[in-house]
PDB file of N, CA and C in Angstrom:
ATOM      1  N   MET A   1     -19.828 216.964-320.384  1.00  0.00           N
ATOM      2  CA  MET A   1     -20.440 216.076-319.692  1.00  0.00           C
ATOM      3  C   MET A   1     -19.722 215.862-318.172  1.00  0.00           C
ATOM      4  N   PRO A   2     -20.255 215.991-317.326  1.00  0.00           N
ATOM      5  CA  PRO A   2     -19.780 215.275-315.940  1.00  0.00           C
ATOM      6  C   PRO A   2     -19.651 213.903-315.483  1.00  0.00           C
ATOM      7  N   ASP A   3     -18.358 213.506-315.239  1.00  0.00           N
ATOM      8  CA  ASP A   3     -18.232 212.202-314.482  1.00  0.00           C
ATOM      9  C   ASP A   3     -18.482 212.165-312.846  1.00  0.00           C
ATOM     10  N   THR A   4     -18.800 211.229-312.249  1.00  0.00           N
ATOM     11  CA  THR A   4     -18.966 211.164-311.067  1.00  0.00           C
ATOM     12  C   THR A   4     -18.115 210.047-310.842  1.00  0.00           C
ATOM     13  N   THR A   5     -17.209 209.919-309.658  1.00  0.00           N
ATOM     14  CA  THR A   5     -16.839 208.721-309.135  1.00  0.00           C
ATOM     15  C   THR A   5     -17.036 208.181-307.976  1.00  0.00           C
ATOM     16  N   ILE A   6     -17.872 207.004-308.322  1.00  0.00           N
ATOM     17  CA  ILE A   6     -18.445 206.290-306.869  1.00  0.00           C
ATOM     18  C   ILE A   6     -17.379 205.198-306.532  1.00  0.00           C
ATOM     19  N   THR A   7     -16.973 205.231-305.114  1.00  0.00           N
ATOM     20  CA  THR A   7     -15.928 203.874-304.548  1.00  0.00           C
ATOM     21  C   THR A   7     -17.358 203.581-303.695  1.00  0.00           C
ATOM     22  N   LEU A   8     -17.131 202.126-303.994  1.00  0.00           N
ATOM     23  CA  LEU A   8     -17.920 201.142-303.185  1.00  0.00           C
ATOM     24  C   LEU A   8     -17.189 200.526-302.280  1.00  0.00           C
ATOM     25  N   THR A   9     -18.117 199.776-301.194  1.00  0.00           N
ATOM     26  CA  THR A   9     -17.460 199.338-299.926  1.00  0.00           C
ATOM     27  C   THR A   9     -16.041 198.513-300.440  1.00  0.00           C
ATOM     28  N   THR A  10     -16.030 197.502-301.450  1.00  0.00           N
ATOM     29  CA  THR A  10     -15.089 196.889-301.540  1.00  0.00           C
ATOM     30  C   THR A  10     -13.809 197.793-302.322  1.00  0.00           C
ATOM     31  N   GLY A  11     -13.934 198.897-302.378  1.00  0.00           N
ATOM     32  CA  GLY A  11     -12.857 199.991-302.979  1.00  0.00           C
ATOM     33  C   GLY A  11     -12.736 200.077-304.460  1.00  0.00           C
ATOM     34  N   LYS A  12     -13.723 199.147-304.960  1.00  0.00           N
ATOM     35  CA  LYS A  12     -14.268 199.135-306.293  1.00  0.00           C
ATOM     36  C   LYS A  12     -14.343 200.704-306.697  1.00  0.00           C
ATOM     37  N   LYS A  13     -13.930 201.430-307.693  1.00  0.00           N
ATOM     38  CA  LYS A  13     -14.372 202.576-308.013  1.00  0.00           C
ATOM     39  C   LYS A  13     -14.945 202.671-309.305  1.00  0.00           C
ATOM     40  N   LEU A  14     -16.386 203.185-309.870  1.00  0.00           N
ATOM     41  CA  LEU A  14     -17.273 203.333-310.643  1.00  0.00           C
ATOM     42  C   LEU A  14     -17.136 204.518-311.413  1.00  0.00           C
ATOM     43  N   VAL A  15     -16.858 204.938-312.645  1.00  0.00           N
ATOM     44  CA  VAL A  15     -17.164 206.565-312.940  1.00  0.00           C
ATOM     45  C   VAL A  15     -18.175 206.360-314.021  1.00  0.00           C
ATOM     46  N   VAL A  16     -19.304 207.204-313.590  1.00  0.00           N
ATOM     47  CA  VAL A  16     -20.637 207.197-314.168  1.00  0.00           C
ATOM     48  C   VAL A  16     -20.840 208.743-314.968  1.00  0.00           C
ATOM     49  N   LYS A  17     -21.637 208.911-315.900  1.00  0.00           N
ATOM     50  CA  LYS A  17     -21.847 209.937-316.581  1.00  0.00           C
ATOM     51  C   LYS A  17     -23.242 210.857-315.707  1.00  0.00           C
ATOM     52  N   GLU A  18     -23.580 210.169-314.721  1.00  0.00           N
ATOM     53  CA  GLU A  18     -24.518 211.368-313.846  1.00  0.00           C
ATOM     54  C   GLU A  18     -23.962 212.276-313.356  1.00  0.00           C
ATOM     55  N   THR A  19     -24.521 213.253-312.516  1.00  0.00           N
ATOM     56  CA  THR A  19     -23.973 214.359-311.631  1.00  0.00           C
ATOM     57  C   THR A  19     -23.901 213.640-310.210  1.00  0.00           C
ATOM     58  N   PRO A  20     -23.362 214.160-309.219  1.00  0.00           N
ATOM     59  CA  PRO A  20     -23.747 213.704-308.066  1.00  0.00           C
ATOM     60  C   PRO A  20     -25.030 213.884-307.364  1.00  0.00           C
ATOM     61  N   GLU A  21     -25.623 214.974-307.932  1.00  0.00           N
ATOM     62  CA  GLU A  21     -26.782 215.265-307.304  1.00  0.00           C
ATOM     63  C   GLU A  21     -27.795 214.203-307.698  1.00  0.00           C
ATOM     64  N   GLU A  22     -27.628 213.548-309.156  1.00  0.00           N
ATOM     65  CA  GLU A  22     -28.480 212.939-309.429  1.00  0.00           C
ATOM     66  C   GLU A  22     -28.146 211.297-309.305  1.00  0.00           C
ATOM     67  N   VAL A  23     -26.748 210.859-308.873  1.00  0.00           N
ATOM     68  CA  VAL A  23     -26.970 209.835-307.806  1.00  0.00           C
ATOM     69  C   VAL A  23     -27.511 209.557-306.497  1.00  0.00           C
ATOM     70  N   ARG A  24     -27.000 211.027-305.928  1.00  0.00           N
ATOM     71  CA  ARG A  24     -28.370 210.577-304.750  1.00  0.00           C
ATOM     72  C   ARG A  24     -29.579 210.702-304.964  1.00  0.00           C
ATOM     73  N   GLU A  25     -30.202 211.064-305.858  1.00  0.00           N
ATOM     74  CA  GLU A  25     -31.171 211.103-305.776  1.00  0.00           C
ATOM     75  C   GLU A  25     -31.702 209.615-306.476  1.00  0.00           C
ATOM     76  N   LYS A  26     -30.959 208.850-307.215  1.00  0.00           N
ATOM     77  CA  LYS A  26     -31.383 207.572-307.420  1.00  0.00           C
ATOM     78  C   LYS A  26     -31.120 206.729-306.625  1.00  0.00           C
ATOM     79  N   MET A  27     -29.969 206.725-305.609  1.00  0.00           N
ATOM     80  CA  MET A  27     -30.020 206.181-304.122  1.00  0.00           C
ATOM     81  C   MET A  27     -30.975 206.120-303.620  1.00  0.00           C
ATOM     82  N   SER A  28     -31.282 207.709-303.073  1.00  0.00           N
ATOM     83  CA  SER A  28     -32.521 207.750-302.253  1.00  0.00           C
ATOM     84  C   SER A  28     -33.703 206.996-302.928  1.00  0.00           C
ATOM     85  N   GLU A  29     -33.962 207.052-303.985  1.00  0.00           N
ATOM     86  CA  GLU A  29     -35.128 206.349-304.757  1.00  0.00           C
ATOM     87  C   GLU A  29     -35.245 205.078-304.411  1.00  0.00           C
ATOM     88  N   PHE A  30     -33.740 204.395-304.458  1.00  0.00           N
ATOM     89  CA  PHE A  30     -33.611 202.883-304.264  1.00  0.00           C
ATOM     90  C   PHE A  30     -33.587 202.316-302.986  1.00  0.00           C
ATOM     91  N   LEU A  31     -33.338 203.275-302.397  1.00  0.00           N
ATOM     92  CA  LEU A  31     -33.397 203.218-300.635  1.00  0.00           C
ATOM     93  C   LEU A  31     -34.593 202.946-300.015  1.00  0.00           C
ATOM     94  N   LYS A  32     -35.456 204.001-300.653  1.00  0.00           N
ATOM     95  CA  LYS A  32     -36.984 203.787-300.088  1.00  0.00           C
ATOM     96  C   LYS A  32     -37.507 202.978-300.678  1.00  0.00           C
ATOM     97  N   SER A  33     -37.164 202.445-302.008  1.00  0.00           N
ATOM     98  CA  SER A  33     -38.239 201.094-302.714  1.00  0.00           C
ATOM     99  C   SER A  33     -37.843 199.915-301.820  1.00  0.00           C
ATOM    100  N   ILE A  34     -36.595 199.638-301.097  1.00  0.00           N
ATOM    101  CA  ILE A  34     -36.461 198.589-300.327  1.00  0.00           C
ATOM    102  C   ILE A  34     -36.549 198.702-299.083  1.00  0.00           C
ATOM    103  N   SER A  35     -37.197 200.188-298.550  1.00  0.00           N
ATOM    104  CA  SER A  35     -37.081 199.799-297.320  1.00  0.00           C
ATOM    105  C   SER A  35     -36.260 199.748-296.144  1.00  0.00           C
ATOM    106  N   LEU A  36     -34.875 200.213-296.567  1.00  0.00           N
ATOM    107  CA  LEU A  36     -33.825 200.340-296.165  1.00  0.00           C
ATOM    108  C   LEU A  36     -33.811 201.072-295.336  1.00  0.00           C
ATOM    109  N   VAL A  37     -34.600 202.310-295.525  1.00  0.00           N
ATOM    110  CA  VAL A  37     -34.276 203.372-294.613  1.00  0.00           C
ATOM    111  C   VAL A  37     -35.202 203.739-293.968  1.00  0.00           C
ATOM    112  N   SER A  38     -35.122 203.560-292.637  1.00  0.00           N
ATOM    113  CA  SER A  38     -36.473 203.800-291.971  1.00  0.00           C
ATOM    114  C   SER A  38     -36.283 204.738-290.740  1.00  0.00           C
ATOM    115  N   GLY A  39     -37.003 205.619-290.242  1.00  0.00           N
ATOM    116  CA  GLY A  39     -37.204 206.682-289.658  1.00  0.00           C
ATOM    117  C   GLY A  39     -36.297 207.802-289.949  1.00  0.00           C
ATOM    118  N   ILE A  40     -35.517 208.175-291.187  1.00  0.00           N
ATOM    119  CA  ILE A  40     -34.917 208.835-291.745  1.00  0.00           C
ATOM    120  C   ILE A  40     -35.358 209.129-292.810  1.00  0.00           C
ATOM    121  N   SER A  41     -34.889 209.991-294.087  1.00  0.00           N
ATOM    122  CA  SER A  41     -35.308 210.083-295.171  1.00  0.00           C
ATOM    123  C   SER A  41     -34.482 209.231-296.296  1.00  0.00           C
ATOM    124  N   GLY A  42     -34.889 208.575-297.317  1.00  0.00           N
ATOM    125  CA  GLY A  42     -33.519 208.508-297.992  1.00  0.00           C
ATOM    126  C   GLY A  42     -32.867 209.477-298.465  1.00  0.00           C
ATOM    127  N   GLU A  43     -32.826 210.659-298.615  1.00  0.00           N
ATOM    128  CA  GLU A  43     -31.867 211.691-298.917  1.00  0.00           C
ATOM    129  C   GLU A  43     -30.805 211.342-297.728  1.00  0.00           C
ATOM    130  N   GLU A  44     -31.315 211.658-296.546  1.00  0.00           N
ATOM    131  CA  GLU A  44     -30.881 212.133-295.164  1.00  0.00           C
ATOM    132  C   GLU A  44     -29.865 210.829-295.127  1.00  0.00           C
ATOM    133  N   GLY A  45     -30.429 209.440-295.551  1.00  0.00           N
ATOM    134  CA  GLY A  45     -29.292 208.444-295.216  1.00  0.00           C
ATOM    135  C   GLY A  45     -28.261 208.311-296.445  1.00  0.00           C
ATOM    136  N   VAL A  46     -28.485 208.649-297.635  1.00  0.00           N
ATOM    137  CA  VAL A  46     -27.488 208.718-298.755  1.00  0.00           C
ATOM    138  C   VAL A  46     -26.429 209.214-298.340  1.00  0.00           C
ATOM    139  N   LEU A  47     -26.781 210.678-297.470  1.00  0.00           N
ATOM    140  CA  LEU A  47     -25.986 211.797-297.161  1.00  0.00           C
ATOM    141  C   LEU A  47     -25.097 211.201-295.968  1.00  0.00           C
ATOM    142  N   ARG A  48     -25.658 210.766-295.183  1.00  0.00           N
ATOM    143  CA  ARG A  48     -25.013 209.797-293.988  1.00  0.00           C
ATOM    144  C   ARG A  48     -23.678 208.884-294.407  1.00  0.00           C
ATOM    145  N   CYS A  49     -24.435 208.113-295.641  1.00  0.00           N
ATOM    146  CA  CYS A  49     -23.189 207.215-295.991  1.00  0.00           C
ATOM    147  C   CYS A  49     -21.920 207.826-296.865  1.00  0.00           C
ATOM    148  N   SER A  50     -22.511 208.997-297.110  1.00  0.00           N
ATOM    149  CA  SER A  50     -21.292 209.597-297.735  1.00  0.00           C
ATOM    150  C   SER A  50     -20.580 210.339-296.997  1.00  0.00           C
ATOM    151  N   LYS A  51     -20.730 210.720-295.574  1.00  0.00           N
ATOM    152  CA  LYS A  51     -20.390 211.660-295.029  1.00  0.00           C
ATOM    153  C   LYS A  51     -19.336 210.483-294.133  1.00  0.00           C
ATOM    154  N   ALA A  52     -19.649 209.563-294.216  1.00  0.00           N
ATOM    155  CA  ALA A  52     -18.990 208.003-293.219  1.00  0.00           C
ATOM    156  C   ALA A  52     -17.452 207.976-294.230  1.00  0.00           C
ATOM    157  N   GLU A  53     -17.492 208.161-295.456  1.00  0.00           N
ATOM    158  CA  GLU A  53     -16.400 207.940-296.024  1.00  0.00           C
ATOM    159  C   GLU A  53     -15.446 208.896-295.853  1.00  0.00           C
ATOM    160  N   GLU A  54     -15.552 210.012-295.720  1.00  0.00           N
ATOM    161  CA  GLU A  54     -14.860 211.219-295.446  1.00  0.00           C
ATOM    162  C   GLU A  54     -14.008 211.284-294.352  1.00  0.00           C
TER     163      GLU A  54
END
């Protein structure tokens, strides 16, 4: 079973059972549901957030 580590902006780390793809999908759905991402797809917004940490 894969484990994925999510690092929050506070530095706290969460280990979840979902794959990175599942996490991105769930985040994309959430961002779309709260209309946080406009003008770009939710998936692109998640990828941008992920790349900002690199």
